[in-house]
N, C-alpha and C. Protein backbone atom coordinates (compact mmCIF):
# COMPACT_ATOMS: atom_id res chain seq x y z
N MET A 1 -5.78 -133.07 -166.89
CA MET A 1 -6.28 -133.71 -168.15
C MET A 1 -7.67 -134.52 -167.74
N LYS A 2 -7.80 -134.76 -166.47
CA LYS A 2 -9.06 -135.41 -166.16
C LYS A 2 -10.35 -134.66 -166.52
N GLU A 3 -10.17 -133.33 -166.41
CA GLU A 3 -11.43 -132.38 -166.90
C GLU A 3 -11.59 -132.42 -168.28
N VAL A 4 -10.60 -132.44 -168.96
CA VAL A 4 -10.69 -132.46 -170.54
C VAL A 4 -11.41 -133.88 -170.90
N HIS A 5 -10.99 -134.95 -170.39
CA HIS A 5 -11.79 -136.18 -170.70
C HIS A 5 -13.22 -136.12 -170.20
N GLN A 6 -13.37 -135.57 -169.06
CA GLN A 6 -14.79 -135.61 -168.63
C GLN A 6 -15.71 -134.70 -169.40
N ILE A 7 -15.11 -133.59 -169.89
CA ILE A 7 -15.85 -132.78 -170.85
C ILE A 7 -16.09 -133.48 -172.20
N GLN A 8 -15.05 -134.24 -172.70
CA GLN A 8 -15.20 -134.88 -173.95
C GLN A 8 -16.27 -135.95 -173.81
N LEU A 9 -16.29 -136.68 -172.69
CA LEU A 9 -17.37 -137.75 -172.48
C LEU A 9 -18.70 -137.11 -172.42
N LEU A 10 -18.83 -136.02 -171.68
CA LEU A 10 -20.22 -135.29 -171.52
C LEU A 10 -20.63 -134.84 -172.93
N GLN A 11 -19.62 -134.31 -173.72
CA GLN A 11 -19.93 -133.83 -175.05
C GLN A 11 -20.43 -134.89 -175.98
N HIS A 12 -19.86 -136.06 -175.95
CA HIS A 12 -20.29 -137.23 -176.62
C HIS A 12 -21.58 -137.57 -176.33
N ARG A 13 -21.97 -137.77 -175.03
CA ARG A 13 -23.28 -138.19 -174.56
C ARG A 13 -24.31 -137.15 -174.97
N ILE A 14 -24.08 -135.86 -174.96
CA ILE A 14 -24.98 -134.85 -175.33
C ILE A 14 -25.33 -135.06 -176.76
N VAL A 15 -24.35 -135.18 -177.58
CA VAL A 15 -24.54 -135.24 -179.05
C VAL A 15 -25.15 -136.61 -179.40
N SER A 16 -24.62 -137.78 -178.90
CA SER A 16 -25.22 -138.98 -179.42
C SER A 16 -26.55 -139.45 -178.71
N ASN A 17 -26.68 -138.99 -177.59
CA ASN A 17 -28.01 -139.44 -176.88
C ASN A 17 -29.00 -138.28 -176.55
N GLY A 18 -28.50 -137.10 -176.66
CA GLY A 18 -29.38 -136.01 -176.18
C GLY A 18 -29.49 -136.03 -174.68
N ASP A 19 -28.39 -136.52 -174.03
CA ASP A 19 -28.48 -136.79 -172.58
C ASP A 19 -28.50 -135.57 -171.84
N GLU A 20 -29.80 -135.31 -171.20
CA GLU A 20 -29.93 -134.07 -170.36
C GLU A 20 -29.14 -134.12 -169.03
N THR A 21 -28.91 -135.34 -168.49
CA THR A 21 -28.16 -135.41 -167.38
C THR A 21 -26.66 -134.98 -167.60
N SER A 22 -26.16 -135.41 -168.62
CA SER A 22 -24.78 -135.03 -169.09
C SER A 22 -24.72 -133.49 -169.38
N PHE A 23 -25.77 -132.97 -169.94
CA PHE A 23 -25.81 -131.54 -170.10
C PHE A 23 -25.78 -130.79 -168.85
N ARG A 24 -26.57 -131.30 -167.80
CA ARG A 24 -26.59 -130.64 -166.49
C ARG A 24 -25.21 -130.74 -165.79
N GLN A 25 -24.58 -131.85 -166.09
CA GLN A 25 -23.25 -132.09 -165.49
C GLN A 25 -22.33 -131.11 -166.08
N LEU A 26 -22.32 -130.87 -167.32
CA LEU A 26 -21.57 -130.01 -168.04
C LEU A 26 -21.69 -128.49 -167.45
N PHE A 27 -23.02 -128.21 -167.31
CA PHE A 27 -23.37 -126.96 -166.70
C PHE A 27 -22.68 -126.74 -165.43
N ILE A 28 -22.94 -127.74 -164.50
CA ILE A 28 -22.33 -127.68 -163.12
C ILE A 28 -20.80 -127.49 -163.10
N LEU A 29 -20.24 -128.13 -164.15
CA LEU A 29 -18.67 -128.21 -164.19
C LEU A 29 -18.21 -126.82 -164.65
N LEU A 30 -18.83 -126.23 -165.64
CA LEU A 30 -18.22 -124.90 -166.18
C LEU A 30 -18.99 -123.70 -165.87
N ALA A 31 -20.17 -123.68 -165.30
CA ALA A 31 -20.89 -122.43 -165.14
C ALA A 31 -20.32 -121.41 -164.23
N VAL A 32 -19.71 -121.82 -163.15
CA VAL A 32 -19.15 -120.86 -162.34
C VAL A 32 -17.91 -120.06 -162.95
N PRO A 33 -16.91 -120.78 -163.49
CA PRO A 33 -15.93 -120.03 -164.16
C PRO A 33 -16.35 -119.19 -165.30
N LEU A 34 -17.34 -119.72 -166.00
CA LEU A 34 -17.95 -118.87 -167.20
C LEU A 34 -18.56 -117.61 -166.70
N LYS A 35 -19.30 -117.80 -165.58
CA LYS A 35 -19.99 -116.57 -164.91
C LYS A 35 -18.89 -115.62 -164.41
N GLN A 36 -17.90 -116.06 -163.88
CA GLN A 36 -16.82 -115.12 -163.38
C GLN A 36 -16.22 -114.48 -164.59
N PHE A 37 -16.07 -115.20 -165.64
CA PHE A 37 -15.43 -114.55 -166.99
C PHE A 37 -16.31 -113.55 -167.42
N ALA A 38 -17.64 -113.88 -167.60
CA ALA A 38 -18.72 -112.87 -168.01
C ALA A 38 -18.79 -111.66 -167.20
N TYR A 39 -18.61 -111.84 -165.86
CA TYR A 39 -18.61 -110.72 -164.92
C TYR A 39 -17.42 -109.74 -165.22
N THR A 40 -16.34 -110.34 -165.57
CA THR A 40 -15.11 -109.41 -165.96
C THR A 40 -15.41 -108.57 -167.19
N ILE A 41 -16.38 -108.94 -167.90
CA ILE A 41 -16.72 -108.08 -169.10
C ILE A 41 -17.83 -107.20 -168.80
N THR A 42 -18.98 -107.67 -168.23
CA THR A 42 -20.20 -106.86 -167.92
C THR A 42 -20.34 -106.10 -166.66
N HIS A 43 -19.37 -106.55 -165.69
CA HIS A 43 -19.43 -105.89 -164.34
C HIS A 43 -20.80 -105.99 -163.70
N SER A 44 -21.54 -107.02 -164.04
CA SER A 44 -22.99 -107.29 -163.40
C SER A 44 -23.09 -108.72 -163.26
N LYS A 45 -23.33 -109.01 -161.96
CA LYS A 45 -23.42 -110.55 -161.70
C LYS A 45 -24.79 -111.09 -162.29
N GLU A 46 -25.88 -110.28 -162.27
CA GLU A 46 -27.06 -110.85 -162.83
C GLU A 46 -26.96 -111.09 -164.33
N GLN A 47 -26.29 -110.10 -164.95
CA GLN A 47 -26.13 -110.23 -166.41
C GLN A 47 -25.18 -111.34 -166.81
N ALA A 48 -24.17 -111.45 -165.99
CA ALA A 48 -23.27 -112.60 -166.16
C ALA A 48 -23.93 -113.98 -166.06
N GLU A 49 -24.81 -114.15 -165.11
CA GLU A 49 -25.53 -115.31 -165.00
C GLU A 49 -26.55 -115.48 -166.17
N GLU A 50 -27.10 -114.44 -166.66
CA GLU A 50 -28.11 -114.54 -167.79
C GLU A 50 -27.27 -114.90 -169.13
N ILE A 51 -26.16 -114.35 -169.23
CA ILE A 51 -25.24 -114.64 -170.38
C ILE A 51 -24.87 -116.12 -170.45
N VAL A 52 -24.40 -116.62 -169.30
CA VAL A 52 -23.96 -117.99 -169.31
C VAL A 52 -25.15 -118.93 -169.48
N GLU A 53 -26.33 -118.55 -168.99
CA GLU A 53 -27.52 -119.38 -169.24
C GLU A 53 -27.89 -119.35 -170.63
N ASP A 54 -27.85 -118.20 -171.32
CA ASP A 54 -28.09 -118.10 -172.73
C ASP A 54 -27.11 -118.95 -173.54
N VAL A 55 -25.79 -118.90 -173.22
CA VAL A 55 -24.82 -119.75 -173.90
C VAL A 55 -25.21 -121.14 -173.85
N PHE A 56 -25.61 -121.73 -172.61
CA PHE A 56 -25.78 -123.07 -172.51
C PHE A 56 -27.17 -123.44 -173.13
N ILE A 57 -28.27 -122.56 -173.19
CA ILE A 57 -29.39 -122.80 -173.84
C ILE A 57 -29.17 -122.99 -175.39
N ASN A 58 -28.37 -122.01 -175.91
CA ASN A 58 -27.99 -122.15 -177.30
C ASN A 58 -27.22 -123.43 -177.56
N LEU A 59 -26.35 -123.78 -176.66
CA LEU A 59 -25.59 -124.99 -176.88
C LEU A 59 -26.64 -126.30 -176.89
N TRP A 60 -27.53 -126.19 -176.01
CA TRP A 60 -28.54 -127.37 -176.01
C TRP A 60 -29.40 -127.30 -177.33
N GLN A 61 -29.83 -126.18 -177.77
CA GLN A 61 -30.62 -126.09 -178.84
C GLN A 61 -29.88 -126.43 -180.22
N ASN A 62 -28.62 -126.38 -180.09
CA ASN A 62 -27.78 -126.78 -181.35
C ASN A 62 -26.84 -127.91 -181.03
N ARG A 63 -27.30 -128.84 -180.20
CA ARG A 63 -26.46 -129.91 -179.81
C ARG A 63 -26.10 -130.83 -180.89
N SER A 64 -26.77 -130.83 -181.96
CA SER A 64 -26.38 -131.69 -183.07
C SER A 64 -25.05 -131.24 -183.65
N ALA A 65 -24.80 -129.91 -183.61
CA ALA A 65 -23.58 -129.31 -184.10
C ALA A 65 -22.42 -129.53 -183.07
N VAL A 66 -22.70 -129.81 -181.89
CA VAL A 66 -21.68 -129.81 -180.86
C VAL A 66 -20.54 -130.90 -181.19
N ALA A 67 -20.93 -131.89 -181.97
CA ALA A 67 -19.92 -132.86 -182.32
C ALA A 67 -18.83 -132.32 -183.05
N ALA A 68 -19.05 -131.25 -183.86
CA ALA A 68 -17.85 -130.60 -184.62
C ALA A 68 -16.91 -129.80 -183.73
N ILE A 69 -17.30 -129.51 -182.55
CA ILE A 69 -16.47 -128.63 -181.66
C ILE A 69 -15.30 -129.42 -181.12
N LYS A 70 -14.13 -128.98 -181.44
CA LYS A 70 -12.89 -129.84 -181.03
C LYS A 70 -12.60 -129.51 -179.60
N ASN A 71 -12.79 -128.31 -179.02
CA ASN A 71 -12.55 -128.00 -177.61
C ASN A 71 -13.68 -127.27 -177.02
N LEU A 72 -14.60 -127.95 -176.36
CA LEU A 72 -15.86 -127.53 -175.93
C LEU A 72 -15.66 -126.37 -174.92
N LYS A 73 -14.67 -126.52 -174.00
CA LYS A 73 -14.47 -125.50 -172.88
C LYS A 73 -14.07 -124.27 -173.61
N VAL A 74 -13.15 -124.22 -174.52
CA VAL A 74 -12.66 -123.01 -175.18
C VAL A 74 -13.84 -122.41 -175.87
N TYR A 75 -14.59 -123.27 -176.64
CA TYR A 75 -15.77 -122.80 -177.32
C TYR A 75 -16.78 -122.10 -176.51
N LEU A 76 -17.01 -122.67 -175.26
CA LEU A 76 -17.93 -122.01 -174.34
C LEU A 76 -17.35 -120.60 -173.80
N TYR A 77 -16.11 -120.54 -173.54
CA TYR A 77 -15.38 -119.36 -173.11
C TYR A 77 -15.68 -118.24 -174.24
N VAL A 78 -15.41 -118.65 -175.48
CA VAL A 78 -15.56 -117.66 -176.49
C VAL A 78 -16.95 -117.32 -176.84
N ALA A 79 -17.82 -118.22 -176.65
CA ALA A 79 -19.37 -117.84 -176.79
C ALA A 79 -19.68 -116.93 -175.72
N THR A 80 -19.29 -117.17 -174.51
CA THR A 80 -19.60 -116.26 -173.36
C THR A 80 -18.97 -114.91 -173.59
N LYS A 81 -17.76 -114.77 -174.13
CA LYS A 81 -17.15 -113.45 -174.40
C LYS A 81 -17.95 -112.81 -175.41
N ASN A 82 -18.35 -113.47 -176.47
CA ASN A 82 -19.02 -112.76 -177.69
C ASN A 82 -20.50 -112.35 -177.22
N THR A 83 -21.05 -113.23 -176.43
CA THR A 83 -22.47 -112.87 -175.83
C THR A 83 -22.42 -111.66 -175.00
N ALA A 84 -21.43 -111.52 -174.13
CA ALA A 84 -21.23 -110.57 -173.10
C ALA A 84 -20.86 -109.21 -173.98
N LEU A 85 -19.99 -109.29 -175.03
CA LEU A 85 -19.71 -108.04 -175.79
C LEU A 85 -20.88 -107.66 -176.61
N ASN A 86 -21.71 -108.68 -177.12
CA ASN A 86 -22.96 -108.24 -177.75
C ASN A 86 -23.91 -107.54 -176.67
N TYR A 87 -23.97 -108.01 -175.55
CA TYR A 87 -24.79 -107.26 -174.48
C TYR A 87 -24.24 -105.92 -174.27
N LEU A 88 -23.07 -105.68 -174.18
CA LEU A 88 -22.50 -104.42 -173.93
C LEU A 88 -22.76 -103.44 -175.17
N ARG A 89 -22.64 -104.05 -176.27
CA ARG A 89 -22.94 -103.29 -177.56
C ARG A 89 -24.37 -102.77 -177.55
N LYS A 90 -25.36 -103.70 -177.21
CA LYS A 90 -26.74 -103.28 -177.10
C LYS A 90 -26.97 -102.31 -176.08
N LYS A 91 -26.37 -102.60 -174.94
CA LYS A 91 -26.57 -101.67 -173.77
C LYS A 91 -26.01 -100.24 -174.06
N ASN A 92 -24.96 -100.21 -174.69
CA ASN A 92 -24.27 -98.90 -174.91
C ASN A 92 -24.78 -98.21 -176.12
N GLY A 93 -25.49 -98.98 -177.05
CA GLY A 93 -25.96 -98.47 -178.23
C GLY A 93 -24.79 -98.09 -179.32
N GLN A 94 -23.72 -98.61 -179.09
CA GLN A 94 -22.68 -98.39 -180.07
C GLN A 94 -21.84 -99.70 -180.15
N PRO A 95 -21.13 -99.74 -181.32
CA PRO A 95 -20.23 -100.90 -181.47
C PRO A 95 -19.24 -101.09 -180.34
N HIS A 96 -19.11 -102.16 -179.70
CA HIS A 96 -18.15 -102.44 -178.63
C HIS A 96 -17.15 -103.42 -179.27
N HIS A 97 -15.97 -102.74 -179.67
CA HIS A 97 -15.03 -103.63 -180.27
C HIS A 97 -14.51 -104.61 -179.13
N ASP A 98 -13.69 -105.48 -179.65
CA ASP A 98 -13.16 -106.59 -178.71
C ASP A 98 -12.23 -106.02 -177.81
N ILE A 99 -12.65 -105.13 -176.92
CA ILE A 99 -11.73 -104.58 -175.96
C ILE A 99 -12.36 -104.89 -174.62
N LEU A 100 -11.67 -105.71 -173.86
CA LEU A 100 -12.15 -106.04 -172.60
C LEU A 100 -11.69 -105.22 -171.39
N ASP A 101 -12.56 -104.84 -170.51
CA ASP A 101 -12.04 -104.05 -169.26
C ASP A 101 -11.84 -105.10 -168.22
N PHE A 102 -10.62 -105.23 -167.84
CA PHE A 102 -10.25 -106.28 -166.88
C PHE A 102 -10.31 -105.84 -165.35
N GLY A 103 -11.15 -104.83 -165.14
CA GLY A 103 -11.14 -104.15 -163.84
C GLY A 103 -11.76 -105.01 -162.75
N HIS A 104 -12.57 -105.99 -163.10
CA HIS A 104 -13.32 -106.65 -162.04
C HIS A 104 -13.07 -108.19 -162.32
N VAL A 105 -12.04 -108.75 -161.73
CA VAL A 105 -11.75 -110.08 -161.87
C VAL A 105 -11.86 -110.74 -160.48
N GLU A 106 -12.65 -111.72 -160.37
CA GLU A 106 -12.89 -112.37 -159.13
C GLU A 106 -12.04 -113.60 -159.12
N ILE A 107 -11.33 -113.92 -158.01
CA ILE A 107 -10.52 -115.15 -157.92
C ILE A 107 -11.44 -116.02 -156.94
N ALA A 108 -11.76 -117.27 -157.40
CA ALA A 108 -12.56 -118.11 -156.60
C ALA A 108 -11.70 -118.84 -155.52
N ALA A 109 -12.38 -119.14 -154.50
CA ALA A 109 -11.72 -119.86 -153.44
C ALA A 109 -11.72 -121.33 -153.78
N ASP A 110 -10.57 -121.91 -153.77
CA ASP A 110 -10.42 -123.30 -154.10
C ASP A 110 -10.74 -124.19 -152.96
N ASP A 111 -11.27 -125.45 -153.24
CA ASP A 111 -11.43 -126.42 -152.23
C ASP A 111 -9.89 -126.91 -151.98
N PRO A 112 -9.64 -127.10 -150.70
CA PRO A 112 -8.24 -127.53 -150.30
C PRO A 112 -7.92 -128.84 -150.96
N ASN A 113 -6.74 -128.87 -151.57
CA ASN A 113 -6.24 -130.11 -152.03
C ASN A 113 -4.97 -130.51 -151.26
N PRO A 114 -4.25 -131.63 -151.46
CA PRO A 114 -3.21 -131.96 -150.67
C PRO A 114 -2.03 -130.82 -150.63
N GLU A 115 -1.82 -130.33 -151.78
CA GLU A 115 -0.80 -129.29 -151.89
C GLU A 115 -1.10 -128.11 -151.15
N GLN A 116 -2.34 -127.64 -151.07
CA GLN A 116 -2.71 -126.41 -150.34
C GLN A 116 -2.64 -126.73 -148.81
N ILE A 117 -2.94 -127.92 -148.38
CA ILE A 117 -3.05 -128.16 -147.01
C ILE A 117 -1.61 -128.04 -146.42
N TYR A 118 -0.57 -128.26 -147.11
CA TYR A 118 0.71 -128.08 -146.67
C TYR A 118 1.25 -126.63 -146.69
N ILE A 119 0.55 -125.78 -147.32
CA ILE A 119 0.91 -124.30 -147.28
C ILE A 119 0.36 -123.70 -146.08
N THR A 120 1.27 -123.11 -145.29
CA THR A 120 0.80 -122.50 -144.03
C THR A 120 -0.21 -121.45 -144.24
N SER A 121 -1.08 -121.21 -143.21
CA SER A 121 -2.10 -120.19 -143.35
C SER A 121 -1.44 -118.80 -143.68
N GLU A 122 -0.36 -118.57 -143.06
CA GLU A 122 0.31 -117.14 -143.44
C GLU A 122 0.69 -117.12 -144.86
N MET A 123 1.23 -118.12 -145.39
CA MET A 123 1.70 -118.20 -146.73
C MET A 123 0.53 -118.07 -147.69
N ARG A 124 -0.46 -118.77 -147.44
CA ARG A 124 -1.75 -118.70 -148.19
C ARG A 124 -2.36 -117.23 -148.22
N ARG A 125 -2.26 -116.65 -147.01
CA ARG A 125 -2.72 -115.28 -146.97
C ARG A 125 -1.99 -114.32 -147.78
N ARG A 126 -0.67 -114.58 -147.70
CA ARG A 126 0.20 -113.56 -148.56
C ARG A 126 0.09 -113.92 -150.02
N ILE A 127 -0.06 -115.10 -150.48
CA ILE A 127 -0.34 -115.48 -151.90
C ILE A 127 -1.67 -114.80 -152.32
N ASP A 128 -2.80 -115.00 -151.42
CA ASP A 128 -4.13 -114.44 -151.81
C ASP A 128 -4.06 -112.88 -151.98
N ALA A 129 -3.25 -112.30 -151.06
CA ALA A 129 -3.28 -110.83 -151.01
C ALA A 129 -2.42 -110.35 -152.27
N ALA A 130 -1.41 -111.16 -152.63
CA ALA A 130 -0.68 -110.75 -153.81
C ALA A 130 -1.45 -110.93 -155.08
N VAL A 131 -2.35 -111.95 -155.20
CA VAL A 131 -3.11 -112.11 -156.40
C VAL A 131 -4.15 -111.04 -156.50
N VAL A 132 -4.80 -110.65 -155.32
CA VAL A 132 -5.71 -109.55 -155.40
C VAL A 132 -5.11 -108.26 -155.85
N GLN A 133 -3.83 -108.04 -155.54
CA GLN A 133 -3.19 -106.76 -155.87
C GLN A 133 -2.54 -106.88 -157.25
N LEU A 134 -2.77 -107.93 -158.06
CA LEU A 134 -2.20 -107.92 -159.40
C LEU A 134 -2.97 -106.99 -160.27
N PRO A 135 -2.40 -106.48 -161.39
CA PRO A 135 -3.06 -105.65 -162.28
C PRO A 135 -4.15 -106.44 -162.82
N PRO A 136 -5.42 -105.77 -163.25
CA PRO A 136 -6.51 -106.52 -163.61
C PRO A 136 -6.45 -107.60 -164.83
N LYS A 137 -5.65 -107.25 -165.83
CA LYS A 137 -5.47 -108.07 -166.88
C LYS A 137 -4.60 -109.34 -166.51
N CYS A 138 -3.58 -109.04 -165.74
CA CYS A 138 -2.68 -110.12 -165.15
C CYS A 138 -3.46 -111.03 -164.26
N LYS A 139 -4.40 -110.44 -163.50
CA LYS A 139 -5.19 -111.25 -162.57
C LYS A 139 -6.10 -112.12 -163.30
N LEU A 140 -6.78 -111.63 -164.47
CA LEU A 140 -7.61 -112.42 -165.16
C LEU A 140 -6.89 -113.67 -165.84
N ILE A 141 -5.72 -113.38 -166.46
CA ILE A 141 -4.92 -114.35 -167.10
C ILE A 141 -4.39 -115.42 -166.08
N TYR A 142 -4.01 -114.93 -164.83
CA TYR A 142 -3.57 -115.87 -163.76
C TYR A 142 -4.74 -116.74 -163.44
N LYS A 143 -5.99 -116.18 -163.21
CA LYS A 143 -7.09 -116.95 -162.85
C LYS A 143 -7.45 -117.96 -163.97
N MET A 144 -7.47 -117.64 -165.27
CA MET A 144 -7.73 -118.53 -166.33
C MET A 144 -6.74 -119.68 -166.43
N ALA A 145 -5.43 -119.36 -166.20
CA ALA A 145 -4.41 -120.36 -166.24
C ALA A 145 -4.41 -121.29 -165.00
N LYS A 146 -4.49 -120.71 -163.78
CA LYS A 146 -4.28 -121.50 -162.66
C LYS A 146 -5.68 -122.09 -162.00
N GLU A 147 -6.66 -121.30 -162.10
CA GLU A 147 -8.02 -121.86 -161.49
C GLU A 147 -8.73 -122.55 -162.57
N ASP A 148 -8.94 -121.91 -163.74
CA ASP A 148 -9.76 -122.55 -164.78
C ASP A 148 -8.99 -123.60 -165.57
N ARG A 149 -7.62 -123.64 -165.29
CA ARG A 149 -6.76 -124.63 -165.97
C ARG A 149 -6.71 -124.67 -167.52
N LEU A 150 -6.93 -123.38 -168.12
CA LEU A 150 -6.89 -123.32 -169.46
C LEU A 150 -5.45 -123.29 -170.01
N ARG A 151 -5.20 -123.78 -171.10
CA ARG A 151 -3.76 -123.75 -171.72
C ARG A 151 -3.52 -122.32 -172.23
N TYR A 152 -2.19 -122.11 -172.41
CA TYR A 152 -1.88 -120.61 -172.86
C TYR A 152 -2.55 -120.29 -174.15
N ARG A 153 -2.47 -121.21 -175.14
CA ARG A 153 -3.05 -120.99 -176.52
C ARG A 153 -4.52 -120.84 -176.31
N GLU A 154 -5.16 -121.52 -175.40
CA GLU A 154 -6.68 -121.39 -175.26
C GLU A 154 -6.96 -120.02 -174.75
N ILE A 155 -6.28 -119.53 -173.70
CA ILE A 155 -6.50 -118.24 -173.22
C ILE A 155 -6.28 -117.25 -174.26
N ALA A 156 -5.13 -117.33 -175.01
CA ALA A 156 -4.89 -116.41 -176.09
C ALA A 156 -6.06 -116.35 -177.15
N HIS A 157 -6.51 -117.53 -177.39
CA HIS A 157 -7.72 -117.53 -178.36
C HIS A 157 -8.93 -116.91 -177.74
N ILE A 158 -9.27 -117.13 -176.48
CA ILE A 158 -10.47 -116.58 -175.88
C ILE A 158 -10.27 -115.04 -175.87
N LEU A 159 -9.08 -114.53 -175.44
CA LEU A 159 -8.99 -113.05 -175.17
C LEU A 159 -8.33 -112.34 -176.40
N ASN A 160 -8.16 -113.06 -177.50
CA ASN A 160 -7.59 -112.43 -178.71
C ASN A 160 -6.22 -111.69 -178.40
N ILE A 161 -5.41 -112.42 -177.68
CA ILE A 161 -4.01 -111.92 -177.37
C ILE A 161 -2.97 -112.93 -177.71
N THR A 162 -1.79 -112.70 -177.79
CA THR A 162 -0.81 -113.63 -178.06
C THR A 162 -0.38 -114.50 -176.90
N VAL A 163 0.16 -115.69 -177.33
CA VAL A 163 0.68 -116.59 -176.25
C VAL A 163 1.81 -115.84 -175.48
N LYS A 164 2.56 -115.07 -176.16
CA LYS A 164 3.59 -114.23 -175.68
C LYS A 164 3.18 -113.30 -174.37
N THR A 165 1.94 -112.75 -174.80
CA THR A 165 1.35 -111.87 -173.76
C THR A 165 0.98 -112.64 -172.53
N ILE A 166 0.52 -113.88 -172.75
CA ILE A 166 0.19 -114.73 -171.62
C ILE A 166 1.45 -115.05 -170.82
N ASP A 167 2.45 -115.37 -171.48
CA ASP A 167 3.75 -115.58 -170.76
C ASP A 167 4.14 -114.48 -169.96
N ASN A 168 4.12 -113.36 -170.61
CA ASN A 168 4.54 -112.04 -169.86
C ASN A 168 3.74 -111.79 -168.77
N GLN A 169 2.38 -111.87 -168.88
CA GLN A 169 1.55 -111.55 -167.69
C GLN A 169 1.63 -112.58 -166.59
N LEU A 170 1.83 -113.81 -166.89
CA LEU A 170 2.00 -114.90 -165.84
C LEU A 170 3.48 -114.71 -165.15
N ALA A 171 4.38 -114.18 -165.99
CA ALA A 171 5.69 -113.97 -165.36
C ALA A 171 5.53 -112.76 -164.34
N ILE A 172 4.79 -111.74 -164.70
CA ILE A 172 4.53 -110.63 -163.83
C ILE A 172 3.83 -111.20 -162.52
N ALA A 173 2.78 -111.94 -162.80
CA ALA A 173 2.04 -112.49 -161.63
C ALA A 173 2.94 -113.29 -160.68
N LEU A 174 3.71 -114.10 -161.19
CA LEU A 174 4.54 -115.11 -160.41
C LEU A 174 5.61 -114.20 -159.72
N LYS A 175 6.12 -113.28 -160.33
CA LYS A 175 7.11 -112.38 -159.65
C LYS A 175 6.59 -111.69 -158.53
N LYS A 176 5.35 -111.09 -158.74
CA LYS A 176 4.78 -110.37 -157.61
C LYS A 176 4.33 -111.27 -156.50
N ILE A 177 3.89 -112.48 -156.79
CA ILE A 177 3.51 -113.36 -155.80
C ILE A 177 4.70 -113.92 -155.03
N SER A 178 5.90 -114.19 -155.73
CA SER A 178 6.96 -114.69 -155.04
C SER A 178 7.56 -113.51 -154.14
N GLU A 179 7.50 -112.33 -154.58
CA GLU A 179 7.93 -111.19 -153.77
C GLU A 179 7.15 -111.02 -152.48
N ALA A 180 5.78 -111.34 -152.67
CA ALA A 180 4.87 -111.28 -151.57
C ALA A 180 5.01 -112.36 -150.50
N ILE A 181 5.52 -113.57 -150.90
CA ILE A 181 5.62 -114.56 -149.96
C ILE A 181 6.94 -114.54 -149.27
N HIS A 182 7.96 -113.84 -149.67
CA HIS A 182 9.14 -113.75 -148.87
C HIS A 182 8.92 -112.95 -147.65
N PHE A 183 9.25 -113.65 -146.59
CA PHE A 183 9.12 -112.94 -145.33
C PHE A 183 10.27 -111.83 -145.13
N LYS A 184 9.92 -110.71 -144.58
CA LYS A 184 10.94 -109.69 -144.23
C LYS A 184 11.91 -110.24 -143.33
N GLN A 185 13.12 -110.08 -143.61
CA GLN A 185 14.23 -110.65 -142.73
C GLN A 185 14.52 -109.50 -141.64
N VAL A 186 14.48 -109.85 -140.49
CA VAL A 186 14.83 -108.90 -139.38
C VAL A 186 16.36 -109.03 -139.14
N LYS A 187 17.06 -107.87 -139.29
CA LYS A 187 18.46 -107.95 -139.02
C LYS A 187 18.61 -107.68 -137.55
N VAL A 188 19.43 -108.54 -137.07
CA VAL A 188 19.85 -108.35 -135.59
C VAL A 188 21.27 -107.80 -135.61
N GLY A 189 21.31 -106.61 -135.03
CA GLY A 189 22.60 -105.84 -134.98
C GLY A 189 23.18 -106.00 -133.60
N LYS A 190 24.52 -105.73 -133.59
CA LYS A 190 25.21 -105.80 -132.38
C LYS A 190 24.98 -104.43 -131.65
N LYS A 191 24.84 -104.48 -130.34
CA LYS A 191 24.64 -103.32 -129.47
C LYS A 191 25.94 -102.62 -129.11
């Protein structure tokens, strides 16, 4: 919840004072996950960067309307998705319906926190390997829920899927991860 309050505070400062420092802080806070999200749609790191920059430029230019946005983080994800889909539509010269190709999902390396410090390196390796092996859509949803800390209904809104789909995909992810972290038991037989 700390991030939610931080975003709300930055949003308030941007709207009420036109505070450029708060705007830069918002960019620093959200740019990396938004770029990763844009990359899952465009499959181009350069284009993903440009899309996120365009989204933030548009946000700054229309900062007076930012006060009406209830959840700025979700708003920025939706704006990033729409901008990326518009880029694909223009690039391909044809309408690009709201179908996302989940083939290229990157999972960011987290800074260690106290919980992760206690996880053994072997366990962490197994978890990371299991996440990499997840089906693309499942991996994206896992990343958005666990790394980006978005709520299920926020992810559902961003991806235009149901909360039930989020539940199902996260259940698949957690099952595969739990299977991967179980050590193979060596049976010792009598000779």
